[in-house]
C-alpha cells in the first residue's frame, strides 16, 4: 500500500532528510521518501501496519518540525 501526504510548512531540507531516515526505520515500511521541494511524503508499507506507520510518522514529523501540517494528498 502506498500513501501520499503534503507536508505544509516544511521549511528545512535537513529536517526533511531526518524525517525520511526515521520513517524508513519504522516497522512495516518498505520505502518512505520526503521531497523537500514538493513537500511530499510518500510511504509504501505493509497494508495491515499502515495505520500504525502513519501514526508513528506523524509523531516523527511533529518532533522534528512542530509547525508542519500533515495533509492527505
N, C-alpha and C. Protein backbone atom coordinates (compact mmCIF):
# COMPACT_ATOMS: atom_id res chain seq x y z
N UNK A 1 0.84 -1.17 0.00
CA UNK A 1 0.00 0.00 0.00
C UNK A 1 0.89 1.24 0.00
N UNK A 2 0.47 2.23 -0.78
CA UNK A 2 1.22 3.47 -0.88
C UNK A 2 0.32 4.63 -0.46
N UNK A 3 0.83 5.48 0.43
CA UNK A 3 0.08 6.65 0.91
C UNK A 3 0.89 7.90 0.61
N UNK A 4 0.17 8.95 0.20
CA UNK A 4 0.83 10.22 -0.12
C UNK A 4 0.30 11.33 0.77
N UNK A 5 1.20 12.20 1.20
CA UNK A 5 0.84 13.32 2.07
C UNK A 5 1.58 14.58 1.61
N UNK A 6 0.99 15.72 1.94
CA UNK A 6 1.65 17.01 1.73
C UNK A 6 2.09 17.49 3.11
N UNK A 7 3.33 17.93 3.23
CA UNK A 7 3.85 18.44 4.49
C UNK A 7 3.85 19.96 4.42
N UNK A 8 2.73 20.57 4.81
CA UNK A 8 2.57 22.02 4.72
C UNK A 8 3.38 22.68 5.83
N UNK A 9 4.24 23.60 5.43
CA UNK A 9 5.06 24.31 6.41
C UNK A 9 6.45 23.72 6.57
N UNK A 10 6.77 22.72 5.79
CA UNK A 10 8.11 22.12 5.83
C UNK A 10 9.09 23.13 5.23
N UNK A 11 10.02 23.63 6.05
CA UNK A 11 10.92 24.67 5.54
C UNK A 11 12.40 24.41 5.85
N UNK A 12 12.73 23.13 6.01
CA UNK A 12 14.11 22.78 6.33
C UNK A 12 14.49 21.48 5.60
N UNK A 13 15.41 21.59 4.66
CA UNK A 13 15.81 20.43 3.87
C UNK A 13 16.47 19.36 4.75
N UNK A 14 17.26 19.80 5.72
CA UNK A 14 17.91 18.87 6.63
C UNK A 14 16.88 18.11 7.47
N UNK A 15 15.83 18.84 7.90
CA UNK A 15 14.75 18.21 8.67
C UNK A 15 14.03 17.16 7.82
N UNK A 16 13.80 17.48 6.56
CA UNK A 16 13.14 16.54 5.64
C UNK A 16 13.95 15.26 5.53
N UNK A 17 15.27 15.37 5.46
CA UNK A 17 16.14 14.20 5.37
C UNK A 17 16.07 13.38 6.66
N UNK A 18 16.01 14.06 7.82
CA UNK A 18 15.91 13.36 9.10
C UNK A 18 14.58 12.61 9.19
N UNK A 19 13.50 13.26 8.73
CA UNK A 19 12.18 12.63 8.74
C UNK A 19 12.19 11.36 7.89
N UNK A 20 12.73 11.48 6.68
CA UNK A 20 12.78 10.34 5.76
C UNK A 20 13.54 9.18 6.37
N UNK A 21 14.69 9.46 6.97
CA UNK A 21 15.51 8.41 7.58
C UNK A 21 14.75 7.72 8.71
N UNK A 22 14.12 8.51 9.59
CA UNK A 22 13.40 7.95 10.74
C UNK A 22 12.18 7.14 10.30
N UNK A 23 11.44 7.63 9.31
CA UNK A 23 10.24 6.92 8.85
C UNK A 23 10.63 5.61 8.17
N UNK A 24 11.74 5.61 7.44
CA UNK A 24 12.21 4.39 6.79
C UNK A 24 12.58 3.30 7.79
N UNK A 25 12.91 3.70 9.02
CA UNK A 25 13.30 2.73 10.05
C UNK A 25 12.10 2.12 10.78
N UNK A 26 10.88 2.62 10.52
CA UNK A 26 9.69 2.10 11.20
C UNK A 26 9.36 0.68 10.72
N UNK A 27 8.82 -0.11 11.63
CA UNK A 27 8.41 -1.48 11.32
C UNK A 27 7.29 -1.48 10.28
N UNK A 28 7.47 -2.26 9.22
CA UNK A 28 6.45 -2.39 8.19
C UNK A 28 6.62 -1.46 7.00
N UNK A 29 7.57 -0.53 7.09
CA UNK A 29 7.80 0.41 5.98
C UNK A 29 8.73 -0.24 4.96
N UNK A 30 8.25 -0.28 3.70
CA UNK A 30 9.10 -0.79 2.61
C UNK A 30 9.98 0.34 2.09
N UNK A 31 9.35 1.51 1.89
CA UNK A 31 10.10 2.68 1.44
C UNK A 31 9.33 3.94 1.80
N UNK A 32 10.06 4.94 2.27
CA UNK A 32 9.46 6.25 2.55
C UNK A 32 10.36 7.31 1.93
N UNK A 33 9.73 8.32 1.33
CA UNK A 33 10.53 9.41 0.77
C UNK A 33 9.87 10.74 1.09
N UNK A 34 10.71 11.70 1.47
CA UNK A 34 10.27 13.06 1.73
C UNK A 34 10.97 13.94 0.71
N UNK A 35 10.17 14.61 -0.14
CA UNK A 35 10.74 15.51 -1.14
C UNK A 35 10.58 16.92 -0.61
N UNK A 36 11.70 17.56 -0.27
CA UNK A 36 11.66 18.90 0.31
C UNK A 36 11.08 19.93 -0.64
N UNK A 37 11.43 19.83 -1.93
CA UNK A 37 10.99 20.84 -2.90
C UNK A 37 9.49 20.79 -3.19
N UNK A 38 8.92 19.58 -3.24
CA UNK A 38 7.48 19.46 -3.49
C UNK A 38 6.70 19.31 -2.18
N UNK A 39 7.41 19.20 -1.06
CA UNK A 39 6.87 18.97 0.29
C UNK A 39 5.95 17.75 0.34
N UNK A 40 6.30 16.71 -0.43
CA UNK A 40 5.51 15.48 -0.45
C UNK A 40 6.20 14.38 0.36
N UNK A 41 5.36 13.63 1.06
CA UNK A 41 5.81 12.45 1.78
C UNK A 41 5.07 11.27 1.16
N UNK A 42 5.83 10.28 0.75
CA UNK A 42 5.24 9.05 0.20
C UNK A 42 5.73 7.89 1.06
N UNK A 43 4.77 7.14 1.57
CA UNK A 43 5.11 5.97 2.40
C UNK A 43 4.55 4.73 1.72
N UNK A 44 5.43 3.77 1.50
CA UNK A 44 5.00 2.47 0.97
C UNK A 44 5.28 1.45 2.07
N UNK A 45 4.21 0.72 2.44
CA UNK A 45 4.38 -0.24 3.53
C UNK A 45 3.34 -1.33 3.52
N UNK A 46 3.43 -2.19 4.53
CA UNK A 46 2.51 -3.31 4.66
C UNK A 46 1.11 -2.79 5.01
N UNK A 47 0.09 -3.29 4.29
CA UNK A 47 -1.29 -2.82 4.44
C UNK A 47 -1.77 -2.84 5.89
N UNK A 48 -1.57 -3.98 6.56
CA UNK A 48 -2.11 -4.13 7.91
C UNK A 48 -1.40 -3.24 8.94
N UNK A 49 -0.19 -2.79 8.63
CA UNK A 49 0.56 -1.95 9.57
C UNK A 49 0.45 -0.46 9.24
N UNK A 50 -0.21 -0.13 8.13
CA UNK A 50 -0.25 1.26 7.66
C UNK A 50 -0.82 2.25 8.70
N UNK A 51 -1.92 1.94 9.41
CA UNK A 51 -2.40 2.92 10.40
C UNK A 51 -1.35 3.26 11.46
N UNK A 52 -0.63 2.24 11.93
CA UNK A 52 0.41 2.48 12.94
C UNK A 52 1.61 3.22 12.34
N UNK A 53 1.93 2.90 11.09
CA UNK A 53 3.03 3.58 10.40
C UNK A 53 2.72 5.07 10.28
N UNK A 54 1.51 5.39 9.85
CA UNK A 54 1.11 6.80 9.67
C UNK A 54 1.14 7.53 11.01
N UNK A 55 0.62 6.89 12.04
CA UNK A 55 0.61 7.49 13.38
C UNK A 55 2.04 7.79 13.85
N UNK A 56 2.94 6.82 13.67
CA UNK A 56 4.33 7.00 14.08
C UNK A 56 5.02 8.06 13.22
N UNK A 57 4.72 8.09 11.93
CA UNK A 57 5.31 9.09 11.03
C UNK A 57 4.89 10.49 11.44
N UNK A 58 3.62 10.65 11.82
CA UNK A 58 3.13 11.97 12.27
C UNK A 58 3.88 12.42 13.51
N UNK A 59 4.13 11.50 14.44
CA UNK A 59 4.88 11.85 15.66
C UNK A 59 6.30 12.27 15.33
N UNK A 60 6.94 11.55 14.39
CA UNK A 60 8.31 11.87 13.96
C UNK A 60 8.34 13.28 13.37
N UNK A 61 7.40 13.55 12.48
CA UNK A 61 7.36 14.86 11.81
C UNK A 61 7.15 15.98 12.82
N UNK A 62 6.21 15.79 13.75
CA UNK A 62 5.93 16.81 14.77
C UNK A 62 7.12 17.03 15.70
N UNK A 63 7.87 15.96 15.97
CA UNK A 63 9.04 16.08 16.85
C UNK A 63 10.15 16.87 16.15
N UNK A 64 10.36 16.61 14.87
CA UNK A 64 11.43 17.28 14.12
C UNK A 64 11.04 18.70 13.74
N UNK A 65 9.81 18.88 13.27
CA UNK A 65 9.33 20.20 12.87
C UNK A 65 7.89 20.39 13.35
N UNK A 66 7.71 20.92 14.57
CA UNK A 66 6.39 21.00 15.21
C UNK A 66 5.33 21.79 14.43
N UNK A 67 5.72 22.75 13.61
CA UNK A 67 4.75 23.59 12.90
C UNK A 67 4.28 22.99 11.57
N UNK A 68 4.78 21.82 11.20
CA UNK A 68 4.42 21.21 9.93
C UNK A 68 3.07 20.51 10.04
N UNK A 69 2.20 20.76 9.05
CA UNK A 69 0.90 20.10 8.98
C UNK A 69 0.98 18.95 8.00
N UNK A 70 0.39 17.81 8.37
CA UNK A 70 0.39 16.63 7.51
C UNK A 70 -1.00 16.53 6.87
N UNK A 71 -1.06 16.68 5.54
CA UNK A 71 -2.32 16.68 4.83
C UNK A 71 -2.33 15.52 3.85
N UNK A 72 -3.42 14.73 3.85
CA UNK A 72 -3.51 13.61 2.89
C UNK A 72 -3.61 14.16 1.47
N UNK A 73 -2.81 13.61 0.59
CA UNK A 73 -2.78 14.09 -0.79
C UNK A 73 -3.72 13.27 -1.66
